[in-house]
Structure formats: C-alpha cells, structure tokens
Amino acid sequence: MTLARRIAPTLLVSLIVACTPVTPRPDAGSNRIDTVRLNQSTGGPIGLSVIEVVQDSRCPSGVQCIHAGTVRVRALQTGQTARILLTLHEPRSVAGGWARLLQVCPSPVAGRPIARGDYRFTILTGKTMPAAAKADPGPCP
C-alpha cells in the first residue's frame, strides 16, 4: 500500500474536523466548556484566547514514556491585559472566576510535529469552581 493511500483517510478526517464549527457545551451551573483554536476566543462571561503553546511535552503515540507530559499555553482574557499561563488539567484563577485547560488536540504522534493551526484547546470556565472541577471532553477526534 502506498504512503498516499495510507495517509489519505487521516488527511480527510483532519480537513473535516478543521472545517467543523466550534460549539460551546454548557456544564453544570455557570460553567462553560468551549473548544477553540489559537487566537480564537471562548464565549461566555470569561472569554479566553490561547495565543501561544509554551510547552507540549505529551508522550507521543507509539513511544514508551516515563511520564505522560503536559501542555502549557499562554492566553489572554477578554478585557484584561495580563497574560495567563494555563497548564493542562490544572484549575487557574482568572479575573471574574477560573479556567481549566481540559484537553489539547491533536494527540502527538512520534516523528510528526503538530502545526500551530492544527491545535485545538478545550477549556472549562466558570464564575465559581465546583468542588470537583472534572469534565471529560472525550478522545481527540
């Protein structure tokens, strides 16, 4: 099987996902879950725009790693001037509430760098952090 035939389905899925509109999902209470790309703002009262991937040390598929790694991104909050550093799965206090970076897609693959435009960030925001600030956005498409 040629390389082109093997990667064609992956490229097709990537194009479909890239053209899919972002839709917010409400969470319990005043919390909100949004999936955005770089420089695209989350909605709701706590608008955040991820402006830079500072670190992506997640273990690529096909590689055996000692630790899972993490992702850290720099974000701007609507109406604020200070930049915010968000770390995957860690709640962070922001003006007017809090935010948590729930998921970063696509998952890394050994030998294939992720292009800036391919990143998608699922962010949970809210006015008050619930006792269990867990939400599972599911696997990366």
C-alpha atoms as a PDB file:
ATOM      1  CA  MET A   1       0.000   0.000   0.000  1.00  0.00           C
ATOM      2  CA  THR A   2       1.445   3.365  -0.953  1.00  0.00           C
ATOM      3  CA  LEU A   3       2.079   6.083   1.608  1.00  0.00           C
ATOM      4  CA  ALA A   4      -0.512   8.321  -0.060  1.00  0.00           C
ATOM      5  CA  ARG A   5      -3.227   5.671   0.342  1.00  0.00           C
ATOM      6  CA  ARG A   6      -2.334   5.113   3.988  1.00  0.00           C
ATOM      7  CA  ILE A   7      -2.456   8.786   4.989  1.00  0.00           C
ATOM      8  CA  ALA A   8      -5.392   9.859   2.785  1.00  0.00           C
ATOM      9  CA  PRO A   9      -8.064   8.866   5.375  1.00  0.00           C
ATOM     10  CA  THR A  10      -6.193  10.770   8.101  1.00  0.00           C
ATOM     11  CA  LEU A  11      -5.939  13.871   5.912  1.00  0.00           C
ATOM     12  CA  LEU A  12      -9.647  13.675   5.067  1.00  0.00           C
ATOM     13  CA  VAL A  13     -10.635  13.452   8.734  1.00  0.00           C
ATOM     14  CA  SER A  14      -8.302  16.373   9.553  1.00  0.00           C
ATOM     15  CA  LEU A  15      -9.931  18.528   6.884  1.00  0.00           C
ATOM     16  CA  ILE A  16     -13.440  17.694   8.106  1.00  0.00           C
ATOM     17  CA  VAL A  17     -12.512  18.477  11.721  1.00  0.00           C
ATOM     18  CA  ALA A  18     -10.800  21.725  10.702  1.00  0.00           C
ATOM     19  CA  CYS A  19     -13.984  22.901   8.977  1.00  0.00           C
ATOM     20  CA  THR A  20     -16.322  21.921  11.825  1.00  0.00           C
ATOM     21  CA  PRO A  21     -17.724  24.985  13.641  1.00  0.00           C
ATOM     22  CA  VAL A  22     -16.881  25.402  17.306  1.00  0.00           C
ATOM     23  CA  THR A  23     -19.906  24.909  19.537  1.00  0.00           C
ATOM     24  CA  PRO A  24     -19.944  25.590  23.260  1.00  0.00           C
ATOM     25  CA  ARG A  25     -21.255  22.968  25.642  1.00  0.00           C
ATOM     26  CA  PRO A  26     -22.815  24.106  28.889  1.00  0.00           C
ATOM     27  CA  ASP A  27     -21.523  22.417  32.019  1.00  0.00           C
ATOM     28  CA  ALA A  28     -23.142  22.263  35.452  1.00  0.00           C
ATOM     29  CA  GLY A  29     -24.216  25.648  36.859  1.00  0.00           C
ATOM     30  CA  SER A  30     -22.490  28.700  35.461  1.00  0.00           C
ATOM     31  CA  ASN A  31     -19.613  26.743  33.949  1.00  0.00           C
ATOM     32  CA  ARG A  32     -18.972  26.572  30.232  1.00  0.00           C
ATOM     33  CA  ILE A  33     -16.870  24.311  28.002  1.00  0.00           C
ATOM     34  CA  ASP A  34     -15.525  25.643  24.699  1.00  0.00           C
ATOM     35  CA  THR A  35     -13.187  24.146  22.116  1.00  0.00           C
ATOM     36  CA  VAL A  36     -11.147  26.779  20.303  1.00  0.00           C
ATOM     37  CA  ARG A  37      -8.109  27.150  18.066  1.00  0.00           C
ATOM     38  CA  LEU A  38      -5.169  29.519  18.552  1.00  0.00           C
ATOM     39  CA  ASN A  39      -6.330  33.154  18.705  1.00  0.00           C
ATOM     40  CA  GLN A  40     -10.000  32.141  18.825  1.00  0.00           C
ATOM     41  CA  SER A  41     -11.912  33.282  21.917  1.00  0.00           C
ATOM     42  CA  THR A  42     -14.061  31.191  24.219  1.00  0.00           C
ATOM     43  CA  GLY A  43     -17.541  32.556  24.809  1.00  0.00           C
ATOM     44  CA  GLY A  44     -19.423  33.459  27.948  1.00  0.00           C
ATOM     45  CA  PRO A  45     -18.518  35.938  30.646  1.00  0.00           C
ATOM     46  CA  ILE A  46     -14.906  34.707  30.882  1.00  0.00           C
ATOM     47  CA  GLY A  47     -13.543  34.974  27.350  1.00  0.00           C
ATOM     48  CA  LEU A  48     -10.080  33.487  26.852  1.00  0.00           C
ATOM     49  CA  SER A  49      -7.936  33.331  23.710  1.00  0.00           C
ATOM     50  CA  VAL A  50      -5.000  30.931  23.587  1.00  0.00           C
ATOM     51  CA  ILE A  51      -2.201  32.878  21.915  1.00  0.00           C
ATOM     52  CA  GLU A  52       0.773  30.535  22.251  1.00  0.00           C
ATOM     53  CA  VAL A  53       1.710  26.938  23.012  1.00  0.00           C
ATOM     54  CA  VAL A  54       4.537  27.360  25.515  1.00  0.00           C
ATOM     55  CA  GLN A  55       5.174  23.646  26.131  1.00  0.00           C
ATOM     56  CA  ASP A  56       3.821  20.422  24.680  1.00  0.00           C
ATOM     57  CA  SER A  57       5.659  17.544  26.293  1.00  0.00           C
ATOM     58  CA  ARG A  58       2.890  14.922  25.965  1.00  0.00           C
ATOM     59  CA  CYS A  59       4.099  11.414  25.219  1.00  0.00           C
ATOM     60  CA  PRO A  60       3.571  10.639  21.513  1.00  0.00           C
ATOM     61  CA  SER A  61       1.671   7.543  20.474  1.00  0.00           C
ATOM     62  CA  GLY A  62       3.981   4.712  19.528  1.00  0.00           C
ATOM     63  CA  VAL A  63       6.565   5.742  22.137  1.00  0.00           C
ATOM     64  CA  GLN A  64       7.061   4.370  25.633  1.00  0.00           C
ATOM     65  CA  CYS A  65       7.492   7.298  28.062  1.00  0.00           C
ATOM     66  CA  ILE A  66       8.333   7.528  31.746  1.00  0.00           C
ATOM     67  CA  HIS A  67       5.688  10.234  32.284  1.00  0.00           C
ATOM     68  CA  ALA A  68       2.662  11.438  30.313  1.00  0.00           C
ATOM     69  CA  GLY A  69       3.946  15.006  29.924  1.00  0.00           C
ATOM     70  CA  THR A  70       1.836  18.138  29.875  1.00  0.00           C
ATOM     71  CA  VAL A  71       0.809  21.164  27.847  1.00  0.00           C
ATOM     72  CA  ARG A  72       1.198  24.795  28.913  1.00  0.00           C
ATOM     73  CA  VAL A  73      -0.353  27.620  26.926  1.00  0.00           C
ATOM     74  CA  ARG A  74      -0.357  31.387  27.196  1.00  0.00           C
ATOM     75  CA  ALA A  75      -3.788  33.022  26.979  1.00  0.00           C
ATOM     76  CA  LEU A  76      -5.328  36.480  27.041  1.00  0.00           C
ATOM     77  CA  GLN A  77      -8.585  37.185  28.824  1.00  0.00           C
ATOM     78  CA  THR A  78     -11.113  39.463  27.144  1.00  0.00           C
ATOM     79  CA  GLY A  79     -10.879  42.945  28.684  1.00  0.00           C
ATOM     80  CA  GLN A  80      -7.624  42.184  30.527  1.00  0.00           C
ATOM     81  CA  THR A  81      -4.021  42.991  29.626  1.00  0.00           C
ATOM     82  CA  ALA A  82      -2.138  40.383  31.679  1.00  0.00           C
ATOM     83  CA  ARG A  83      -1.269  37.097  30.003  1.00  0.00           C
ATOM     84  CA  ILE A  84      -2.376  33.923  31.759  1.00  0.00           C
ATOM     85  CA  LEU A  85      -0.443  30.654  31.820  1.00  0.00           C
ATOM     86  CA  LEU A  86      -2.745  27.617  31.678  1.00  0.00           C
ATOM     87  CA  THR A  87      -1.445  24.102  32.353  1.00  0.00           C
ATOM     88  CA  LEU A  88      -3.330  21.016  31.187  1.00  0.00           C
ATOM     89  CA  HIS A  89      -5.779  19.751  33.874  1.00  0.00           C
ATOM     90  CA  GLU A  90      -4.872  22.440  36.446  1.00  0.00           C
ATOM     91  CA  PRO A  91      -7.510  24.983  37.553  1.00  0.00           C
ATOM     92  CA  ARG A  92      -6.361  28.607  37.325  1.00  0.00           C
ATOM     93  CA  SER A  93      -7.843  31.719  38.900  1.00  0.00           C
ATOM     94  CA  VAL A  94      -8.693  34.416  36.332  1.00  0.00           C
ATOM     95  CA  ALA A  95     -10.462  37.782  36.578  1.00  0.00           C
ATOM     96  CA  GLY A  96     -14.117  37.074  37.346  1.00  0.00           C
ATOM     97  CA  GLY A  97     -13.703  33.351  38.004  1.00  0.00           C
ATOM     98  CA  TRP A  98     -11.476  30.476  36.984  1.00  0.00           C
ATOM     99  CA  ALA A  99     -10.406  28.410  33.974  1.00  0.00           C
ATOM    100  CA  ARG A 100      -9.106  24.908  33.354  1.00  0.00           C
ATOM    101  CA  LEU A 101      -7.445  23.560  30.203  1.00  0.00           C
ATOM    102  CA  LEU A 102      -9.220  20.208  29.846  1.00  0.00           C
ATOM    103  CA  GLN A 103      -7.812  18.854  26.613  1.00  0.00           C
ATOM    104  CA  VAL A 104      -5.383  19.654  23.820  1.00  0.00           C
ATOM    105  CA  CYS A 105      -5.788  18.048  20.393  1.00  0.00           C
ATOM    106  CA  PRO A 106      -4.463  16.501  18.301  1.00  0.00           C
ATOM    107  CA  SER A 107      -2.626  13.904  20.300  1.00  0.00           C
ATOM    108  CA  PRO A 108       1.080  13.833  19.432  1.00  0.00           C
ATOM    109  CA  VAL A 109       2.458  11.142  17.120  1.00  0.00           C
ATOM    110  CA  ALA A 110       6.147  10.222  17.078  1.00  0.00           C
ATOM    111  CA  GLY A 111       8.002  11.910  14.226  1.00  0.00           C
ATOM    112  CA  ARG A 112       5.124  14.240  13.286  1.00  0.00           C
ATOM    113  CA  PRO A 113       5.312  17.772  14.666  1.00  0.00           C
ATOM    114  CA  ILE A 114       1.944  19.447  15.311  1.00  0.00           C
ATOM    115  CA  ALA A 115       1.416  22.561  13.205  1.00  0.00           C
ATOM    116  CA  ARG A 116       0.221  25.685  15.068  1.00  0.00           C
ATOM    117  CA  GLY A 117      -3.009  25.741  13.076  1.00  0.00           C
ATOM    118  CA  ASP A 118      -3.847  22.132  13.982  1.00  0.00           C
ATOM    119  CA  TYR A 119      -4.049  22.693  17.748  1.00  0.00           C
ATOM    120  CA  ARG A 120      -7.497  22.685  19.412  1.00  0.00           C
ATOM    121  CA  PHE A 121      -7.968  23.555  23.089  1.00  0.00           C
ATOM    122  CA  THR A 122     -10.936  22.522  25.233  1.00  0.00           C
ATOM    123  CA  ILE A 123     -11.322  24.969  28.109  1.00  0.00           C
ATOM    124  CA  LEU A 124     -13.714  24.898  31.068  1.00  0.00           C
ATOM    125  CA  THR A 125     -14.505  28.328  32.558  1.00  0.00           C
ATOM    126  CA  GLY A 126     -16.814  29.473  35.322  1.00  0.00           C
ATOM    127  CA  LYS A 127     -17.595  32.085  37.920  1.00  0.00           C
ATOM    128  CA  THR A 128     -17.024  29.660  40.804  1.00  0.00           C
ATOM    129  CA  MET A 129     -15.007  26.480  40.689  1.00  0.00           C
ATOM    130  CA  PRO A 130     -17.088  23.407  41.576  1.00  0.00           C
ATOM    131  CA  ALA A 131     -15.811  21.058  44.269  1.00  0.00           C
ATOM    132  CA  ALA A 132     -14.912  18.533  41.568  1.00  0.00           C
ATOM    133  CA  ALA A 133     -13.803  20.517  38.536  1.00  0.00           C
ATOM    134  CA  LYS A 134     -13.686  17.466  36.307  1.00  0.00           C
ATOM    135  CA  ALA A 135     -15.134  17.233  32.858  1.00  0.00           C
ATOM    136  CA  ASP A 136     -14.188  14.663  30.236  1.00  0.00           C
ATOM    137  CA  PRO A 137     -14.328  16.059  26.707  1.00  0.00           C
ATOM    138  CA  GLY A 138     -13.714  12.556  25.317  1.00  0.00           C
ATOM    139  CA  PRO A 139     -10.927  11.446  22.987  1.00  0.00           C
ATOM    140  CA  CYS A 140      -9.385  13.737  20.407  1.00  0.00           C
ATOM    141  CA  PRO A 141     -11.145  13.284  17.078  1.00  0.00           C
END
